[in-house]
Amino acid sequence: MSDNSLRLVWIYPDLLSTYGDQGNALVVERRARQRGLDVTRVDVRSDQPVPTSGDIYLIGGGEDRPQRLAAERLRRDGGLNRAVSNGAIVFSVCAGYQILGHEFVNDLGEREGGLGLLDVISTRGEGERCVGDVLGDIDPHLGLPPLTGFENHQGVTHLGPSARPFARVSLGRGNGTGDGTEGAYNDTVFGTYMHGPVLARNPLIADLLLKLALDVNALPPADDRWYEALRAERIAAATQPA
């Protein structure tokens, strides 16, 4: 990318945007523009090729059948894998998170191959769905404040040796494994079960994606009053006694 431009790619909004996760694209776009960046946003439908020249790729959540269709088309297309090989940043949510792993269980009850961009494997939980507000501490290596989000999934995601937990939860189920982990990441690829949309609740995660794409350690300040009010409201609501 050039010094003042950013190419943002929103993958398959026709299949993977069930829970308002398109808000993540809006937040990244706005926070980039607040820093004077020229942003080109590309919404790629599932019948279109995934461009390999993007800087940040976002993938949202979806139902089981659209998830299977998205995985099939992304594997066949290969564009996202090539983009990551070129150094692109990827942030994925829920169904998108599972697709980035090695495999998940599809709507037919079969193991479906993922893209292998994260060292995780997802299965289907046998108990109640993981539904509700989540609070947790993001991996200290990322230098971010506590995580707030909303989970709604049946999946259980197990991390392999090259995946780091994105966060550890103090409230909620996270990856559903019982070990307190939530999400996973490596150098440039991130996955989480958090909706909300998660970047509206956690704008500094969006800033992290921008810093990685720009290869800088800091960004000019932005007006965070709206985001901080939302964060405070959601954290307070989550910690109120039932």
Protein backbone atom coordinates (compact mmCIF):
# COMPACT_ATOMS: atom_id res chain seq x y z
CA MET A 1 0.00 0.00 0.00
CA SER A 2 1.05 3.61 -0.44
CA ASP A 3 1.64 5.87 2.55
CA ASN A 4 -1.86 7.39 2.53
CA SER A 5 -4.11 4.75 0.98
CA LEU A 6 -5.72 1.56 2.18
CA ARG A 7 -7.62 -1.16 0.35
CA LEU A 8 -10.26 -2.81 2.55
CA VAL A 9 -11.93 -6.01 1.34
CA TRP A 10 -15.21 -7.26 2.83
CA ILE A 11 -15.58 -10.92 1.84
CA TYR A 12 -18.92 -12.46 0.84
CA PRO A 13 -21.48 -10.08 2.43
CA ASP A 14 -24.17 -12.12 0.64
CA LEU A 15 -23.24 -15.22 2.69
CA LEU A 16 -21.40 -14.08 5.81
CA SER A 17 -23.03 -11.01 7.31
CA THR A 18 -25.80 -12.49 9.43
CA TYR A 19 -25.17 -10.78 12.76
CA GLY A 20 -24.33 -7.23 11.75
CA ASP A 21 -20.64 -7.96 11.29
CA GLN A 22 -20.54 -5.61 8.31
CA GLY A 23 -20.26 -2.98 11.02
CA ASN A 24 -16.64 -4.07 11.37
CA ALA A 25 -15.94 -2.87 7.84
CA LEU A 26 -17.62 0.45 8.60
CA VAL A 27 -15.50 0.94 11.72
CA VAL A 28 -12.18 0.16 10.01
CA GLU A 29 -13.10 2.44 7.11
CA ARG A 30 -14.10 5.31 9.40
CA ARG A 31 -11.05 5.03 11.65
CA ALA A 32 -8.77 4.99 8.64
CA ARG A 33 -10.41 8.12 7.23
CA GLN A 34 -10.07 9.84 10.63
CA ARG A 35 -6.30 9.42 10.17
CA GLY A 36 -6.37 10.98 6.70
CA LEU A 37 -6.07 7.71 4.80
CA ASP A 38 -7.63 7.32 1.38
CA VAL A 39 -9.73 4.16 1.75
CA THR A 40 -10.99 2.01 -1.10
CA ARG A 41 -13.55 -0.52 0.14
CA VAL A 42 -14.31 -3.54 -2.01
CA ASP A 43 -17.32 -5.72 -1.17
CA VAL A 44 -16.73 -9.11 -2.80
CA ARG A 45 -19.81 -11.25 -3.37
CA SER A 46 -19.53 -15.02 -3.45
CA ASP A 47 -19.77 -15.16 -7.27
CA GLN A 48 -16.80 -12.80 -7.63
CA PRO A 49 -13.06 -13.50 -7.39
CA VAL A 50 -11.31 -12.40 -4.21
CA PRO A 51 -8.73 -9.74 -5.11
CA THR A 52 -5.20 -10.41 -3.93
CA SER A 53 -4.13 -6.78 -3.65
CA GLY A 54 -6.08 -5.84 -0.50
CA ASP A 55 -4.45 -4.64 2.70
CA ILE A 56 -7.12 -5.71 5.22
CA TYR A 57 -9.69 -8.49 4.67
CA LEU A 58 -12.78 -8.86 6.87
CA ILE A 59 -15.04 -11.91 7.11
CA GLY A 60 -18.23 -12.11 9.16
CA GLY A 61 -20.50 -14.74 10.64
CA GLY A 62 -23.22 -16.75 8.97
CA GLU A 63 -25.52 -19.74 9.18
CA ASP A 64 -24.29 -23.29 8.59
CA ARG A 65 -25.18 -23.71 4.91
CA PRO A 66 -23.84 -20.31 3.81
CA GLN A 67 -20.70 -21.11 5.78
CA ARG A 68 -20.19 -24.32 3.81
CA LEU A 69 -20.78 -22.52 0.51
CA ALA A 70 -18.34 -19.78 1.49
CA ALA A 71 -15.65 -22.30 2.44
CA GLU A 72 -16.08 -24.19 -0.84
CA ARG A 73 -15.80 -21.02 -2.91
CA LEU A 74 -12.88 -19.57 -0.97
CA ARG A 75 -10.94 -22.83 -1.31
CA ARG A 76 -11.64 -22.97 -5.04
CA ASP A 77 -10.83 -19.27 -5.52
CA GLY A 78 -7.56 -19.22 -3.59
CA GLY A 79 -7.38 -15.44 -3.58
CA LEU A 80 -7.46 -14.98 0.18
CA ASN A 81 -4.62 -17.44 0.72
CA ARG A 82 -2.55 -15.67 -1.90
CA ALA A 83 -3.29 -12.30 -0.30
CA VAL A 84 -2.08 -13.57 3.08
CA SER A 85 1.07 -14.88 1.41
CA ASN A 86 1.56 -11.32 0.15
CA GLY A 87 1.31 -9.96 3.71
CA ALA A 88 -2.36 -9.00 3.96
CA ILE A 89 -4.14 -8.72 7.31
CA VAL A 90 -7.29 -10.81 7.93
CA PHE A 91 -9.88 -10.36 10.69
CA SER A 92 -12.63 -12.99 10.88
CA VAL A 93 -15.70 -13.56 13.05
CA CYS A 94 -17.55 -16.75 14.04
CA ALA A 95 -18.27 -18.73 10.85
CA GLY A 96 -15.48 -16.81 9.14
CA TYR A 97 -13.15 -17.71 12.01
CA GLN A 98 -13.91 -21.41 11.59
CA ILE A 99 -13.38 -21.21 7.81
CA LEU A 100 -9.86 -19.86 8.34
CA GLY A 101 -8.91 -22.99 10.28
CA HIS A 102 -8.06 -26.46 9.02
CA GLU A 103 -11.60 -27.84 9.24
CA PHE A 104 -15.05 -27.43 10.80
CA VAL A 105 -18.32 -29.38 10.87
CA ASN A 106 -20.74 -28.24 8.17
CA ASP A 107 -24.53 -28.23 7.98
CA LEU A 108 -24.50 -31.82 6.71
CA GLY A 109 -22.68 -33.00 9.81
CA GLU A 110 -19.52 -33.63 7.79
CA ARG A 111 -16.00 -32.34 8.28
CA GLU A 112 -15.43 -29.45 5.89
CA GLY A 113 -11.97 -28.28 4.91
CA GLY A 114 -10.99 -24.74 5.76
CA LEU A 115 -8.29 -22.49 4.38
CA GLY A 116 -5.57 -23.43 6.85
CA LEU A 117 -4.71 -19.81 7.60
CA LEU A 118 -5.12 -20.41 11.34
CA ASP A 119 -3.91 -23.49 13.18
CA VAL A 120 -7.34 -24.36 14.61
CA ILE A 121 -9.92 -27.11 14.20
CA SER A 122 -13.61 -26.54 14.98
CA THR A 123 -16.15 -29.15 16.05
CA ARG A 124 -19.77 -28.86 17.10
CA GLY A 125 -20.54 -28.63 20.79
CA GLU A 126 -22.90 -31.10 22.38
CA GLY A 127 -24.32 -28.84 25.07
CA GLU A 128 -26.15 -25.55 25.05
CA ARG A 129 -25.21 -22.85 22.56
CA CYS A 130 -22.71 -20.27 23.70
CA VAL A 131 -24.89 -17.17 23.83
CA GLY A 132 -24.42 -13.93 25.72
CA ASP A 133 -22.08 -11.12 26.57
CA VAL A 134 -18.37 -11.84 26.85
CA LEU A 135 -15.62 -10.04 28.73
CA GLY A 136 -11.97 -10.96 28.65
CA ASP A 137 -8.36 -9.90 28.51
CA ILE A 138 -6.73 -9.76 25.08
CA ASP A 139 -3.28 -11.33 24.72
CA PRO A 140 -0.90 -8.85 26.42
CA HIS A 141 1.47 -9.05 23.44
CA LEU A 142 -1.11 -7.08 21.44
CA GLY A 143 -1.24 -4.18 23.90
CA LEU A 144 -5.03 -3.78 23.84
CA PRO A 145 -7.62 -3.04 26.55
CA PRO A 146 -10.12 -5.67 27.75
CA LEU A 147 -12.36 -7.34 25.17
CA THR A 148 -16.12 -6.89 25.12
CA GLY A 149 -18.42 -8.69 22.71
CA PHE A 150 -21.42 -10.93 22.19
CA GLU A 151 -21.19 -14.63 21.33
CA ASN A 152 -23.80 -16.82 19.64
CA HIS A 153 -22.38 -20.13 18.42
CA GLN A 154 -22.50 -23.90 18.82
CA GLY A 155 -18.93 -24.41 17.69
CA VAL A 156 -15.97 -25.52 19.76
CA THR A 157 -12.59 -24.43 18.43
CA HIS A 158 -9.35 -26.12 19.43
CA LEU A 159 -6.05 -24.29 18.94
CA GLY A 160 -2.98 -25.95 17.46
CA PRO A 161 0.61 -25.16 18.48
CA SER A 162 1.11 -22.24 16.08
CA ALA A 163 -2.08 -20.38 17.09
CA ARG A 164 -2.16 -18.02 20.05
CA PRO A 165 -5.40 -17.36 21.96
CA PHE A 166 -6.69 -13.93 21.03
CA ALA A 167 -8.09 -13.45 24.54
CA ARG A 168 -8.92 -15.20 27.80
CA VAL A 169 -12.46 -14.73 29.05
CA SER A 170 -13.67 -13.79 32.51
CA LEU A 171 -17.30 -13.92 31.37
CA GLY A 172 -18.67 -16.14 28.61
CA ARG A 173 -17.55 -19.31 26.86
CA GLY A 174 -15.17 -18.09 24.14
CA ASN A 175 -13.84 -21.00 22.10
CA GLY A 176 -16.12 -23.37 24.01
CA THR A 177 -13.29 -25.68 25.09
CA GLY A 178 -13.57 -24.89 28.79
CA ASP A 179 -10.01 -23.55 28.98
CA GLY A 180 -11.03 -19.88 28.94
CA THR A 181 -9.55 -19.09 25.54
CA GLU A 182 -11.33 -16.90 23.00
CA GLY A 183 -10.39 -16.66 19.35
CA ALA A 184 -6.96 -17.23 17.85
CA TYR A 185 -4.33 -15.36 15.89
CA ASN A 186 -0.93 -15.55 14.30
CA ASP A 187 1.15 -12.71 12.87
CA THR A 188 -1.41 -11.36 10.38
CA VAL A 189 -4.56 -13.49 10.71
CA PHE A 190 -7.12 -13.06 13.51
CA GLY A 191 -10.25 -14.98 14.43
CA THR A 192 -12.87 -14.44 17.12
CA TYR A 193 -16.40 -15.52 17.99
CA MET A 194 -17.27 -11.98 19.06
CA HIS A 195 -20.11 -10.08 17.46
CA GLY A 196 -21.31 -6.70 18.63
CA PRO A 197 -20.03 -5.77 16.03
CA VAL A 198 -16.77 -6.44 17.81
CA LEU A 199 -14.80 -3.54 16.29
CA ALA A 200 -17.46 -1.03 17.34
CA ARG A 201 -17.10 -2.27 20.91
CA ASN A 202 -13.31 -2.52 20.63
CA PRO A 203 -12.07 0.22 18.29
CA LEU A 204 -8.44 -0.28 19.25
CA ILE A 205 -8.59 -3.70 17.59
CA ALA A 206 -9.47 -1.86 14.37
CA ASP A 207 -6.51 0.44 15.00
CA LEU A 208 -4.27 -2.61 15.46
CA LEU A 209 -5.30 -3.86 12.01
CA LEU A 210 -4.49 -0.45 10.56
CA LYS A 211 -1.08 -0.34 12.23
CA LEU A 212 -0.23 -3.80 10.94
CA ALA A 213 -1.33 -2.86 7.42
CA LEU A 214 0.63 0.40 7.55
CA ASP A 215 3.60 -1.21 9.32
CA VAL A 216 3.67 1.54 11.96
CA ASN A 217 3.79 1.44 15.76
CA ALA A 218 1.31 4.26 16.37
CA LEU A 219 -1.51 6.19 14.72
CA PRO A 220 -2.62 9.81 15.12
CA PRO A 221 -5.28 10.19 17.83
CA ALA A 222 -8.96 9.85 16.94
CA ASP A 223 -12.17 10.90 18.64
CA ASP A 224 -13.12 7.86 20.73
CA ARG A 225 -15.90 9.37 22.83
CA TRP A 226 -18.71 7.48 21.10
CA TYR A 227 -16.82 4.19 21.21
CA GLU A 228 -15.86 4.58 24.85
CA ALA A 229 -19.46 5.35 25.80
CA LEU A 230 -20.59 2.19 24.02
CA ARG A 231 -17.86 0.13 25.67
CA ALA A 232 -18.72 1.42 29.12
CA GLU A 233 -22.43 0.77 28.61
CA ARG A 234 -21.91 -2.80 27.39
CA ILE A 235 -19.37 -3.69 30.07
CA ALA A 236 -21.65 -2.31 32.77
CA ALA A 237 -24.61 -4.25 31.38
CA ALA A 238 -22.61 -7.47 31.26
CA THR A 239 -21.42 -7.16 34.86
CA GLN A 240 -24.79 -6.28 36.42
CA PRO A 241 -26.23 -8.94 38.72
CA ALA A 242 -28.91 -11.07 37.05
